[in-house]
N, C-alpha and C. Protein backbone atom coordinates (compact mmCIF):
# COMPACT_ATOMS: atom_id res chain seq x y z
N UNK A 1 -38.19 23.98 -141.85
CA UNK A 1 -38.96 23.62 -143.04
C UNK A 1 -40.14 22.72 -142.67
N UNK A 2 -39.90 21.75 -141.79
CA UNK A 2 -40.97 20.85 -141.37
C UNK A 2 -42.10 21.63 -140.69
N UNK A 3 -41.72 22.61 -139.88
CA UNK A 3 -42.71 23.45 -139.20
C UNK A 3 -43.51 24.24 -140.24
N UNK A 4 -42.82 24.82 -141.21
CA UNK A 4 -43.49 25.60 -142.26
C UNK A 4 -44.50 24.74 -143.02
N UNK A 5 -44.11 23.51 -143.38
CA UNK A 5 -45.01 22.61 -144.11
C UNK A 5 -46.24 22.28 -143.27
N UNK A 6 -46.04 22.00 -141.99
CA UNK A 6 -47.19 21.66 -141.13
C UNK A 6 -48.09 22.87 -140.94
N UNK A 7 -47.49 24.07 -140.83
CA UNK A 7 -48.29 25.28 -140.68
C UNK A 7 -49.16 25.51 -141.90
N UNK A 8 -48.55 25.36 -143.05
CA UNK A 8 -49.30 25.53 -144.29
C UNK A 8 -50.42 24.51 -144.38
N UNK A 9 -50.15 23.28 -143.98
CA UNK A 9 -51.17 22.23 -144.03
C UNK A 9 -52.36 22.53 -143.13
N UNK A 10 -52.11 23.00 -141.91
CA UNK A 10 -53.23 23.29 -141.01
C UNK A 10 -54.06 24.45 -141.55
N UNK A 11 -53.42 25.43 -142.15
CA UNK A 11 -54.17 26.55 -142.73
C UNK A 11 -55.02 26.08 -143.91
N UNK A 12 -54.48 25.17 -144.71
CA UNK A 12 -55.27 24.61 -145.81
C UNK A 12 -56.44 23.81 -145.28
N UNK A 13 -56.20 23.03 -144.22
CA UNK A 13 -57.27 22.22 -143.62
C UNK A 13 -58.35 23.11 -143.02
N UNK A 14 -57.96 24.24 -142.48
CA UNK A 14 -58.93 25.13 -141.84
C UNK A 14 -59.76 25.88 -142.88
N UNK A 15 -59.23 26.08 -144.05
CA UNK A 15 -59.81 26.82 -145.17
C UNK A 15 -60.86 27.85 -144.78
N UNK A 16 -62.13 27.49 -144.84
CA UNK A 16 -63.19 28.46 -144.58
C UNK A 16 -63.23 28.92 -143.13
N UNK A 17 -62.86 28.07 -142.21
CA UNK A 17 -62.92 28.41 -140.80
C UNK A 17 -61.79 29.35 -140.40
N UNK A 18 -60.66 29.26 -141.08
CA UNK A 18 -59.45 29.98 -140.74
C UNK A 18 -58.87 29.38 -139.47
N UNK A 19 -57.63 29.71 -139.16
CA UNK A 19 -56.98 29.09 -138.01
C UNK A 19 -56.42 30.14 -137.07
N UNK A 20 -56.68 29.97 -135.79
CA UNK A 20 -56.11 30.84 -134.78
C UNK A 20 -54.71 30.35 -134.44
N UNK A 21 -53.89 31.25 -133.94
CA UNK A 21 -52.51 30.91 -133.59
C UNK A 21 -52.47 29.73 -132.62
N UNK A 22 -53.37 29.68 -131.67
CA UNK A 22 -53.38 28.61 -130.66
C UNK A 22 -53.61 27.25 -131.32
N UNK A 23 -54.53 27.17 -132.27
CA UNK A 23 -54.78 25.88 -132.92
C UNK A 23 -53.59 25.48 -133.81
N UNK A 24 -52.93 26.46 -134.42
CA UNK A 24 -51.74 26.17 -135.21
C UNK A 24 -50.64 25.66 -134.28
N UNK A 25 -50.52 26.29 -133.12
CA UNK A 25 -49.54 25.87 -132.11
C UNK A 25 -49.79 24.42 -131.69
N UNK A 26 -51.03 24.08 -131.41
CA UNK A 26 -51.36 22.71 -130.99
C UNK A 26 -50.99 21.70 -132.07
N UNK A 27 -51.22 22.06 -133.31
CA UNK A 27 -50.90 21.18 -134.44
C UNK A 27 -49.39 21.01 -134.59
N UNK A 28 -48.62 22.07 -134.33
CA UNK A 28 -47.17 22.05 -134.52
C UNK A 28 -46.40 21.57 -133.31
N UNK A 29 -47.06 21.45 -132.19
CA UNK A 29 -46.40 21.18 -130.92
C UNK A 29 -45.34 20.07 -130.99
N UNK A 30 -45.61 19.00 -131.70
CA UNK A 30 -44.68 17.87 -131.74
C UNK A 30 -43.40 18.14 -132.53
N UNK A 31 -43.36 19.19 -133.35
CA UNK A 31 -42.15 19.51 -134.10
C UNK A 31 -41.43 20.76 -133.58
N UNK A 32 -41.97 21.37 -132.54
CA UNK A 32 -41.32 22.54 -131.95
C UNK A 32 -40.22 22.08 -130.99
N UNK A 33 -39.20 22.93 -130.77
CA UNK A 33 -38.11 22.54 -129.87
C UNK A 33 -38.62 22.21 -128.47
N UNK A 34 -38.31 21.02 -128.00
CA UNK A 34 -38.81 20.58 -126.69
C UNK A 34 -38.10 21.25 -125.52
N UNK A 35 -36.97 21.92 -125.78
CA UNK A 35 -36.26 22.60 -124.70
C UNK A 35 -36.83 23.99 -124.43
N UNK A 36 -37.87 24.38 -125.14
CA UNK A 36 -38.53 25.68 -124.95
C UNK A 36 -39.79 25.50 -124.11
N UNK A 37 -40.14 26.56 -123.36
CA UNK A 37 -41.39 26.53 -122.59
C UNK A 37 -42.57 26.66 -123.54
N UNK A 38 -43.76 26.38 -123.05
CA UNK A 38 -44.97 26.54 -123.88
C UNK A 38 -45.07 27.97 -124.40
N UNK A 39 -44.80 28.95 -123.54
CA UNK A 39 -44.88 30.35 -123.95
C UNK A 39 -43.86 30.67 -125.03
N UNK A 40 -42.65 30.16 -124.91
CA UNK A 40 -41.63 30.38 -125.93
C UNK A 40 -42.02 29.73 -127.25
N UNK A 41 -42.60 28.55 -127.18
CA UNK A 41 -43.06 27.87 -128.39
C UNK A 41 -44.19 28.65 -129.05
N UNK A 42 -45.11 29.16 -128.25
CA UNK A 42 -46.23 29.94 -128.78
C UNK A 42 -45.72 31.21 -129.46
N UNK A 43 -44.74 31.88 -128.86
CA UNK A 43 -44.15 33.07 -129.48
C UNK A 43 -43.43 32.70 -130.78
N UNK A 44 -42.78 31.55 -130.79
CA UNK A 44 -42.09 31.09 -131.99
C UNK A 44 -43.08 30.91 -133.14
N UNK A 45 -44.22 30.30 -132.84
CA UNK A 45 -45.26 30.12 -133.86
C UNK A 45 -45.74 31.48 -134.35
N UNK A 46 -45.95 32.41 -133.43
CA UNK A 46 -46.38 33.75 -133.81
C UNK A 46 -45.38 34.42 -134.75
N UNK A 47 -44.10 34.30 -134.44
CA UNK A 47 -43.06 34.89 -135.29
C UNK A 47 -43.04 34.24 -136.67
N UNK A 48 -43.21 32.92 -136.71
CA UNK A 48 -43.24 32.22 -137.99
C UNK A 48 -44.43 32.65 -138.83
N UNK A 49 -45.58 32.85 -138.19
CA UNK A 49 -46.76 33.30 -138.91
C UNK A 49 -46.56 34.71 -139.47
N UNK A 50 -45.93 35.59 -138.68
CA UNK A 50 -45.65 36.95 -139.16
C UNK A 50 -44.70 36.89 -140.35
N UNK A 51 -43.70 36.02 -140.27
CA UNK A 51 -42.76 35.86 -141.39
C UNK A 51 -43.48 35.38 -142.65
N UNK A 52 -44.40 34.44 -142.49
CA UNK A 52 -45.17 33.96 -143.65
C UNK A 52 -46.05 35.08 -144.20
N UNK A 53 -46.59 35.93 -143.32
CA UNK A 53 -47.40 37.06 -143.76
C UNK A 53 -46.53 38.05 -144.54
N UNK A 54 -45.33 38.32 -144.05
CA UNK A 54 -44.42 39.24 -144.73
C UNK A 54 -44.03 38.71 -146.11
N UNK A 55 -43.98 37.39 -146.25
CA UNK A 55 -43.65 36.77 -147.54
C UNK A 55 -44.89 36.57 -148.41
N UNK A 56 -46.02 37.13 -147.97
CA UNK A 56 -47.28 37.11 -148.71
C UNK A 56 -47.84 35.70 -148.94
N UNK A 57 -47.53 34.77 -148.01
CA UNK A 57 -48.06 33.41 -148.11
C UNK A 57 -49.40 33.28 -147.39
N UNK A 58 -49.56 34.06 -146.33
CA UNK A 58 -50.79 34.03 -145.54
C UNK A 58 -51.19 35.45 -145.19
N UNK A 59 -52.38 35.61 -144.66
CA UNK A 59 -52.86 36.91 -144.21
C UNK A 59 -53.76 36.69 -143.00
N UNK A 60 -54.17 37.77 -142.36
CA UNK A 60 -55.04 37.64 -141.21
C UNK A 60 -56.42 38.21 -141.51
N UNK A 61 -57.38 37.63 -140.86
CA UNK A 61 -58.75 38.14 -140.82
C UNK A 61 -59.08 38.21 -139.35
N UNK A 62 -58.98 39.39 -138.77
CA UNK A 62 -59.14 39.50 -137.33
C UNK A 62 -57.97 38.82 -136.65
N UNK A 63 -58.25 37.82 -135.83
CA UNK A 63 -57.19 37.08 -135.13
C UNK A 63 -56.95 35.71 -135.74
N UNK A 64 -57.43 35.52 -136.95
CA UNK A 64 -57.30 34.21 -137.61
C UNK A 64 -56.43 34.35 -138.85
N UNK A 65 -55.68 33.28 -139.14
CA UNK A 65 -54.76 33.24 -140.27
C UNK A 65 -55.38 32.44 -141.40
N UNK A 66 -55.18 32.92 -142.64
CA UNK A 66 -55.68 32.19 -143.81
C UNK A 66 -54.63 32.22 -144.92
N UNK A 67 -54.69 31.22 -145.79
CA UNK A 67 -53.80 31.17 -146.95
C UNK A 67 -54.25 32.26 -147.94
N UNK A 68 -53.28 32.97 -148.48
CA UNK A 68 -53.62 33.97 -149.51
C UNK A 68 -54.03 33.26 -150.78
N UNK A 69 -55.06 33.77 -151.43
CA UNK A 69 -55.50 33.14 -152.68
C UNK A 69 -55.12 33.97 -153.86
């Protein structure tokens, strides 16, 4: 839940610019499991973003994520 809230916040902050997965990862890094490698954490963020997309909370524009309006 904490990860979801932070992800939503960074997407709101990015608004017009939109957010790439890497920048979302950097923002979430402190709440991701520390026993995972950087690559595993990055994949975890990707999976969470896909889940949010499937739930119609966010969408993509190219390689950038934005909040659905």
